[in-house]
C-alpha atoms as a PDB file:
ATOM      1  CA  UNK A   1     -19.045   6.744 -18.534  1.00  0.00           C
ATOM      2  CA  UNK A   2     -18.446   9.891 -16.599  1.00  0.00           C
ATOM      3  CA  UNK A   3     -17.169   7.899 -13.599  1.00  0.00           C
ATOM      4  CA  UNK A   4     -14.754   6.016 -15.852  1.00  0.00           C
ATOM      5  CA  UNK A   5     -13.353   9.151 -17.364  1.00  0.00           C
ATOM      6  CA  UNK A   6     -12.986  10.630 -13.744  1.00  0.00           C
ATOM      7  CA  UNK A   7     -11.015   7.590 -12.534  1.00  0.00           C
ATOM      8  CA  UNK A   8      -8.798   7.687 -15.755  1.00  0.00           C
ATOM      9  CA  UNK A   9      -8.067  11.396 -15.167  1.00  0.00           C
ATOM     10  CA  UNK A  10      -7.177  10.690 -11.398  1.00  0.00           C
ATOM     11  CA  UNK A  11      -4.774   7.949 -12.570  1.00  0.00           C
ATOM     12  CA  UNK A  12      -3.122  10.267 -15.001  1.00  0.00           C
ATOM     13  CA  UNK A  13      -2.541  12.973 -12.309  1.00  0.00           C
ATOM     14  CA  UNK A  14      -1.196  10.594  -9.707  1.00  0.00           C
ATOM     15  CA  UNK A  15       1.015   8.314 -11.860  1.00  0.00           C
ATOM     16  CA  UNK A  16       4.253  10.095 -11.340  1.00  0.00           C
ATOM     17  CA  UNK A  17       7.549   9.224  -9.631  1.00  0.00           C
ATOM     18  CA  UNK A  18       7.031   7.079  -6.588  1.00  0.00           C
ATOM     19  CA  UNK A  19       6.099   7.463  -2.987  1.00  0.00           C
ATOM     20  CA  UNK A  20       5.701   4.632  -0.454  1.00  0.00           C
ATOM     21  CA  UNK A  21       2.806   3.655   1.772  1.00  0.00           C
ATOM     22  CA  UNK A  22       1.747   4.217   5.308  1.00  0.00           C
ATOM     23  CA  UNK A  23       5.123   3.791   7.080  1.00  0.00           C
ATOM     24  CA  UNK A  24       7.316   4.708   4.084  1.00  0.00           C
ATOM     25  CA  UNK A  25       7.780   1.232   2.668  1.00  0.00           C
ATOM     26  CA  UNK A  26       6.963  -0.129  -0.762  1.00  0.00           C
ATOM     27  CA  UNK A  27       3.993  -2.056   0.456  1.00  0.00           C
ATOM     28  CA  UNK A  28       0.858  -1.003  -1.512  1.00  0.00           C
ATOM     29  CA  UNK A  29      -2.823  -1.939  -1.587  1.00  0.00           C
ATOM     30  CA  UNK A  30      -4.919  -3.852  -4.158  1.00  0.00           C
ATOM     31  CA  UNK A  31      -8.512  -2.795  -4.759  1.00  0.00           C
ATOM     32  CA  UNK A  32     -10.096  -5.615  -2.668  1.00  0.00           C
ATOM     33  CA  UNK A  33     -10.065  -7.109   0.773  1.00  0.00           C
ATOM     34  CA  UNK A  34     -10.150 -10.896   0.646  1.00  0.00           C
ATOM     35  CA  UNK A  35     -11.200 -11.534   4.260  1.00  0.00           C
ATOM     36  CA  UNK A  36     -14.732 -11.625   5.914  1.00  0.00           C
ATOM     37  CA  UNK A  37     -13.695 -10.573   9.500  1.00  0.00           C
ATOM     38  CA  UNK A  38     -10.092  -9.844   9.995  1.00  0.00           C
ATOM     39  CA  UNK A  39      -6.578 -10.298   8.576  1.00  0.00           C
ATOM     40  CA  UNK A  40      -3.113 -10.697  10.069  1.00  0.00           C
ATOM     41  CA  UNK A  41      -0.144 -10.080   7.623  1.00  0.00           C
ATOM     42  CA  UNK A  42       3.634  -9.776   7.717  1.00  0.00           C
ATOM     43  CA  UNK A  43       5.846  -8.082   5.144  1.00  0.00           C
ATOM     44  CA  UNK A  44       9.579  -7.827   4.393  1.00  0.00           C
ATOM     45  CA  UNK A  45      10.789  -5.109   1.924  1.00  0.00           C
ATOM     46  CA  UNK A  46      13.785  -3.364   0.448  1.00  0.00           C
ATOM     47  CA  UNK A  47      12.757   0.312   0.467  1.00  0.00           C
ATOM     48  CA  UNK A  48      15.741   1.339  -1.721  1.00  0.00           C
ATOM     49  CA  UNK A  49      18.253   4.106  -1.001  1.00  0.00           C
ATOM     50  CA  UNK A  50      19.155   4.609   2.674  1.00  0.00           C
ATOM     51  CA  UNK A  51      17.346   1.558   4.091  1.00  0.00           C
ATOM     52  CA  UNK A  52      18.772  -2.011   3.948  1.00  0.00           C
ATOM     53  CA  UNK A  53      15.586  -3.796   5.011  1.00  0.00           C
ATOM     54  CA  UNK A  54      12.259  -3.221   6.546  1.00  0.00           C
ATOM     55  CA  UNK A  55       9.954  -5.462   8.509  1.00  0.00           C
ATOM     56  CA  UNK A  56       6.329  -4.758   9.285  1.00  0.00           C
ATOM     57  CA  UNK A  57       3.183  -6.422  10.652  1.00  0.00           C
ATOM     58  CA  UNK A  58      -0.452  -5.500   9.961  1.00  0.00           C
ATOM     59  CA  UNK A  59      -3.815  -6.200  11.529  1.00  0.00           C
ATOM     60  CA  UNK A  60      -7.007  -5.362   9.586  1.00  0.00           C
ATOM     61  CA  UNK A  61     -10.744  -5.410  10.117  1.00  0.00           C
ATOM     62  CA  UNK A  62     -13.633  -4.951   7.765  1.00  0.00           C
ATOM     63  CA  UNK A  63     -17.024  -3.206   7.930  1.00  0.00           C
ATOM     64  CA  UNK A  64     -19.885  -3.268   5.480  1.00  0.00           C
ATOM     65  CA  UNK A  65     -18.356  -0.286   3.570  1.00  0.00           C
ATOM     66  CA  UNK A  66     -14.632  -0.348   3.970  1.00  0.00           C
ATOM     67  CA  UNK A  67     -11.622  -2.142   5.642  1.00  0.00           C
ATOM     68  CA  UNK A  68      -9.064  -0.606   7.924  1.00  0.00           C
ATOM     69  CA  UNK A  69      -5.754  -1.520   9.496  1.00  0.00           C
ATOM     70  CA  UNK A  70      -3.020  -0.948  12.070  1.00  0.00           C
ATOM     71  CA  UNK A  71       0.592  -1.230  11.006  1.00  0.00           C
ATOM     72  CA  UNK A  72       3.798  -1.555  12.993  1.00  0.00           C
ATOM     73  CA  UNK A  73       7.269  -1.694  11.521  1.00  0.00           C
ATOM     74  CA  UNK A  74      11.077  -1.338  11.800  1.00  0.00           C
ATOM     75  CA  UNK A  75      13.385   0.039   9.076  1.00  0.00           C
ATOM     76  CA  UNK A  76      17.043  -0.688   9.306  1.00  0.00           C
ATOM     77  CA  UNK A  77      19.313   2.000   7.799  1.00  0.00           C
ATOM     78  CA  UNK A  78      21.993   0.771   5.301  1.00  0.00           C
ATOM     79  CA  UNK A  79      24.614   3.118   6.783  1.00  0.00           C
ATOM     80  CA  UNK A  80      25.386   4.481  10.290  1.00  0.00           C
ATOM     81  CA  UNK A  81      22.544   5.688  12.366  1.00  0.00           C
ATOM     82  CA  UNK A  82      19.847   4.252  14.555  1.00  0.00           C
ATOM     83  CA  UNK A  83      16.784   2.286  13.314  1.00  0.00           C
ATOM     84  CA  UNK A  84      13.507   3.802  12.452  1.00  0.00           C
ATOM     85  CA  UNK A  85      10.331   2.586  14.118  1.00  0.00           C
ATOM     86  CA  UNK A  86       6.972   3.119  12.294  1.00  0.00           C
ATOM     87  CA  UNK A  87       3.316   2.926  13.276  1.00  0.00           C
ATOM     88  CA  UNK A  88       0.409   3.807  11.057  1.00  0.00           C
ATOM     89  CA  UNK A  89      -3.305   3.443  10.326  1.00  0.00           C
ATOM     90  CA  UNK A  90      -5.001   3.211   6.977  1.00  0.00           C
ATOM     91  CA  UNK A  91      -8.258   2.462   5.214  1.00  0.00           C
ATOM     92  CA  UNK A  92      -9.682   1.311   1.904  1.00  0.00           C
ATOM     93  CA  UNK A  93     -13.077   1.943   0.414  1.00  0.00           C
ATOM     94  CA  UNK A  94     -14.507   0.778  -2.863  1.00  0.00           C
ATOM     95  CA  UNK A  95     -15.495   3.607  -5.177  1.00  0.00           C
ATOM     96  CA  UNK A  96     -16.304   1.855  -8.428  1.00  0.00           C
ATOM     97  CA  UNK A  97     -16.794  -1.525 -10.004  1.00  0.00           C
ATOM     98  CA  UNK A  98     -15.713  -2.501 -13.579  1.00  0.00           C
ATOM     99  CA  UNK A  99     -18.018  -1.790 -16.493  1.00  0.00           C
ATOM    100  CA  UNK A 100     -17.948  -2.167 -20.239  1.00  0.00           C
ATOM    101  CA  UNK A 101     -16.386   1.297 -20.526  1.00  0.00           C
ATOM    102  CA  UNK A 102     -13.824   0.929 -17.688  1.00  0.00           C
ATOM    103  CA  UNK A 103     -12.724  -2.713 -17.104  1.00  0.00           C
ATOM    104  CA  UNK A 104     -11.175  -2.178 -13.677  1.00  0.00           C
ATOM    105  CA  UNK A 105     -12.351  -2.120 -10.021  1.00  0.00           C
ATOM    106  CA  UNK A 106     -11.309   0.945  -7.984  1.00  0.00           C
ATOM    107  CA  UNK A 107     -10.830   1.701  -4.264  1.00  0.00           C
ATOM    108  CA  UNK A 108      -9.786   4.848  -2.464  1.00  0.00           C
ATOM    109  CA  UNK A 109      -6.769   4.317  -0.121  1.00  0.00           C
ATOM    110  CA  UNK A 110      -5.920   6.680   2.716  1.00  0.00           C
ATOM    111  CA  UNK A 111      -3.332   6.472   5.552  1.00  0.00           C
ATOM    112  CA  UNK A 112      -1.445   8.272   8.269  1.00  0.00           C
ATOM    113  CA  UNK A 113       1.969   7.017   9.429  1.00  0.00           C
ATOM    114  CA  UNK A 114       4.498   8.093  12.045  1.00  0.00           C
ATOM    115  CA  UNK A 115       8.273   7.445  11.780  1.00  0.00           C
ATOM    116  CA  UNK A 116      10.427   7.727  14.968  1.00  0.00           C
ATOM    117  CA  UNK A 117      14.226   7.901  14.924  1.00  0.00           C
ATOM    118  CA  UNK A 118      16.314   8.899  18.027  1.00  0.00           C
ATOM    119  CA  UNK A 119      13.509  10.847  19.461  1.00  0.00           C
ATOM    120  CA  UNK A 120      12.648  12.688  16.181  1.00  0.00           C
ATOM    121  CA  UNK A 121       9.209  12.122  14.611  1.00  0.00           C
ATOM    122  CA  UNK A 122       8.053  12.484  11.083  1.00  0.00           C
ATOM    123  CA  UNK A 123       4.684  11.826   9.413  1.00  0.00           C
ATOM    124  CA  UNK A 124       3.430  10.664   6.001  1.00  0.00           C
ATOM    125  CA  UNK A 125      -0.079  11.013   4.739  1.00  0.00           C
ATOM    126  CA  UNK A 126      -0.567   8.753   1.596  1.00  0.00           C
ATOM    127  CA  UNK A 127      -3.737   9.226  -0.355  1.00  0.00           C
ATOM    128  CA  UNK A 128      -4.406   7.339  -3.550  1.00  0.00           C
ATOM    129  CA  UNK A 129      -6.652   5.058  -5.608  1.00  0.00           C
ATOM    130  CA  UNK A 130      -6.026   1.317  -6.326  1.00  0.00           C
ATOM    131  CA  UNK A 131      -7.043   0.048  -9.694  1.00  0.00           C
ATOM    132  CA  UNK A 132      -7.096  -3.653 -10.566  1.00  0.00           C
ATOM    133  CA  UNK A 133      -9.086  -6.741 -11.394  1.00  0.00           C
ATOM    134  CA  UNK A 134      -9.218 -10.216  -9.951  1.00  0.00           C
ATOM    135  CA  UNK A 135      -8.485 -13.111 -12.381  1.00  0.00           C
ATOM    136  CA  UNK A 136      -9.532 -16.687 -11.409  1.00  0.00           C
ATOM    137  CA  UNK A 137      -7.633 -19.762 -12.640  1.00  0.00           C
ATOM    138  CA  UNK A 138      -9.811 -22.161 -14.317  1.00  0.00           C
ATOM    139  CA  UNK A 139     -10.783 -25.210 -12.217  1.00  0.00           C
ATOM    140  CA  UNK A 140      -8.857 -23.812  -9.264  1.00  0.00           C
ATOM    141  CA  UNK A 141      -9.437 -21.655  -6.083  1.00  0.00           C
ATOM    142  CA  UNK A 142      -6.288 -19.702  -6.812  1.00  0.00           C
ATOM    143  CA  UNK A 143      -6.776 -16.117  -8.055  1.00  0.00           C
ATOM    144  CA  UNK A 144      -4.423 -13.268  -9.118  1.00  0.00           C
ATOM    145  CA  UNK A 145      -5.285  -9.603  -8.659  1.00  0.00           C
ATOM    146  CA  UNK A 146      -2.810  -7.295 -10.491  1.00  0.00           C
ATOM    147  CA  UNK A 147      -3.186  -3.587  -9.627  1.00  0.00           C
ATOM    148  CA  UNK A 148      -1.726  -0.145  -9.739  1.00  0.00           C
ATOM    149  CA  UNK A 149      -1.959   2.142  -6.650  1.00  0.00           C
ATOM    150  CA  UNK A 150      -0.978   5.779  -7.566  1.00  0.00           C
ATOM    151  CA  UNK A 151      -0.430   7.888  -4.434  1.00  0.00           C
ATOM    152  CA  UNK A 152       0.158  11.441  -3.382  1.00  0.00           C
ATOM    153  CA  UNK A 153       1.750  11.660   0.027  1.00  0.00           C
ATOM    154  CA  UNK A 154       2.445  14.849   1.929  1.00  0.00           C
ATOM    155  CA  UNK A 155       5.218  14.477   4.570  1.00  0.00           C
ATOM    156  CA  UNK A 156       5.811  16.738   7.623  1.00  0.00           C
ATOM    157  CA  UNK A 157       7.541  16.787  10.879  1.00  0.00           C
ATOM    158  CA  UNK A 158      11.226  16.372  11.658  1.00  0.00           C
ATOM    159  CA  UNK A 159      13.526  17.123   8.738  1.00  0.00           C
ATOM    160  CA  UNK A 160      15.905  14.372  10.144  1.00  0.00           C
ATOM    161  CA  UNK A 161      13.256  11.686   9.564  1.00  0.00           C
ATOM    162  CA  UNK A 162      11.040  12.737   6.560  1.00  0.00           C
ATOM    163  CA  UNK A 163      11.688  16.428   5.690  1.00  0.00           C
ATOM    164  CA  UNK A 164       8.816  18.570   4.512  1.00  0.00           C
ATOM    165  CA  UNK A 165       7.664  17.858   0.924  1.00  0.00           C
ATOM    166  CA  UNK A 166       4.836  16.268  -1.056  1.00  0.00           C
ATOM    167  CA  UNK A 167       5.727  12.922  -2.652  1.00  0.00           C
ATOM    168  CA  UNK A 168       4.060  11.447  -5.681  1.00  0.00           C
ATOM    169  CA  UNK A 169       4.100   7.803  -6.645  1.00  0.00           C
ATOM    170  CA  UNK A 170       3.004   4.756  -8.368  1.00  0.00           C
ATOM    171  CA  UNK A 171       2.789   1.402  -6.623  1.00  0.00           C
ATOM    172  CA  UNK A 172       2.553  -1.809  -8.641  1.00  0.00           C
ATOM    173  CA  UNK A 173       1.597  -5.074  -7.251  1.00  0.00           C
ATOM    174  CA  UNK A 174      -0.228  -8.459  -7.395  1.00  0.00           C
ATOM    175  CA  UNK A 175      -2.183 -10.222  -4.696  1.00  0.00           C
ATOM    176  CA  UNK A 176      -2.235 -14.044  -5.027  1.00  0.00           C
ATOM    177  CA  UNK A 177      -5.059 -15.818  -3.167  1.00  0.00           C
ATOM    178  CA  UNK A 178      -3.919 -19.364  -2.547  1.00  0.00           C
ATOM    179  CA  UNK A 179      -6.882 -20.318  -0.428  1.00  0.00           C
ATOM    180  CA  UNK A 180      -9.824 -18.662   1.406  1.00  0.00           C
ATOM    181  CA  UNK A 181      -7.434 -18.153   4.378  1.00  0.00           C
ATOM    182  CA  UNK A 182      -4.083 -17.399   2.772  1.00  0.00           C
ATOM    183  CA  UNK A 183      -2.762 -14.638   0.385  1.00  0.00           C
ATOM    184  CA  UNK A 184       0.748 -13.894  -0.961  1.00  0.00           C
ATOM    185  CA  UNK A 185       1.325 -10.167  -1.650  1.00  0.00           C
ATOM    186  CA  UNK A 186       4.014  -8.739  -4.051  1.00  0.00           C
ATOM    187  CA  UNK A 187       4.462  -4.950  -4.545  1.00  0.00           C
ATOM    188  CA  UNK A 188       6.930  -2.363  -5.749  1.00  0.00           C
ATOM    189  CA  UNK A 189       7.414   1.294  -5.857  1.00  0.00           C
ATOM    190  CA  UNK A 190       8.955   3.274  -8.727  1.00  0.00           C
ATOM    191  CA  UNK A 191      10.753   6.563  -8.699  1.00  0.00           C
ATOM    192  CA  UNK A 192      11.769   8.694  -5.764  1.00  0.00           C
ATOM    193  CA  UNK A 193      11.517   5.897  -3.279  1.00  0.00           C
ATOM    194  CA  UNK A 194      11.849   2.718  -5.251  1.00  0.00           C
ATOM    195  CA  UNK A 195      11.861  -0.744  -3.715  1.00  0.00           C
ATOM    196  CA  UNK A 196      10.157  -4.147  -3.612  1.00  0.00           C
ATOM    197  CA  UNK A 197       8.220  -5.984  -0.991  1.00  0.00           C
ATOM    198  CA  UNK A 198       6.697  -9.434  -0.302  1.00  0.00           C
ATOM    199  CA  UNK A 199       4.112 -10.431   2.384  1.00  0.00           C
ATOM    200  CA  UNK A 200       1.908 -13.245   3.548  1.00  0.00           C
ATOM    201  CA  UNK A 201      -1.594 -12.758   4.975  1.00  0.00           C
ATOM    202  CA  UNK A 202      -3.824 -14.964   7.024  1.00  0.00           C
ATOM    203  CA  UNK A 203      -7.644 -14.444   6.927  1.00  0.00           C
ATOM    204  CA  UNK A 204     -10.517 -15.098   9.287  1.00  0.00           C
END
């Protein structure tokens, strides 16, 4: 019961206008990893104001306690100016399983991303918790995992790239497992940095 109340309190603190994830795109994390060894994923997103489109790839591995990943990406500005290249690392660790008192699974998410534009470098440090629950379709191998991923994300480095501030946000998404080897990912950010993203993941 105490753990359920603590998770609910953390959600209330973090669920404020949005931030984005590891390289400042609206790609958020569900509470589970669906792969046994590794995952390769690709995403396309519209991060909202100032960026017309973002492309990113991700490679993830899993250990007995958590999974972690490496992300590369490119963000194309909607107006004049050079493109932004991003690289980041992140991890996800389970912190609670659903109970009668709290019907959601929860994982801690943590990342560090770097954004590079015309020689200037900025950094983003998203820290959050992902809350959701997997739903299996009857007589099918397809499952859905809707989730929320509230995040607090300090940014620092070049003012030309990220400025110096602390962003708060709420990511909303659903992971759709089509087979043991394939997932479709849908996510969105609300507030300061709104946007939507879609991805496809292959598992090993």
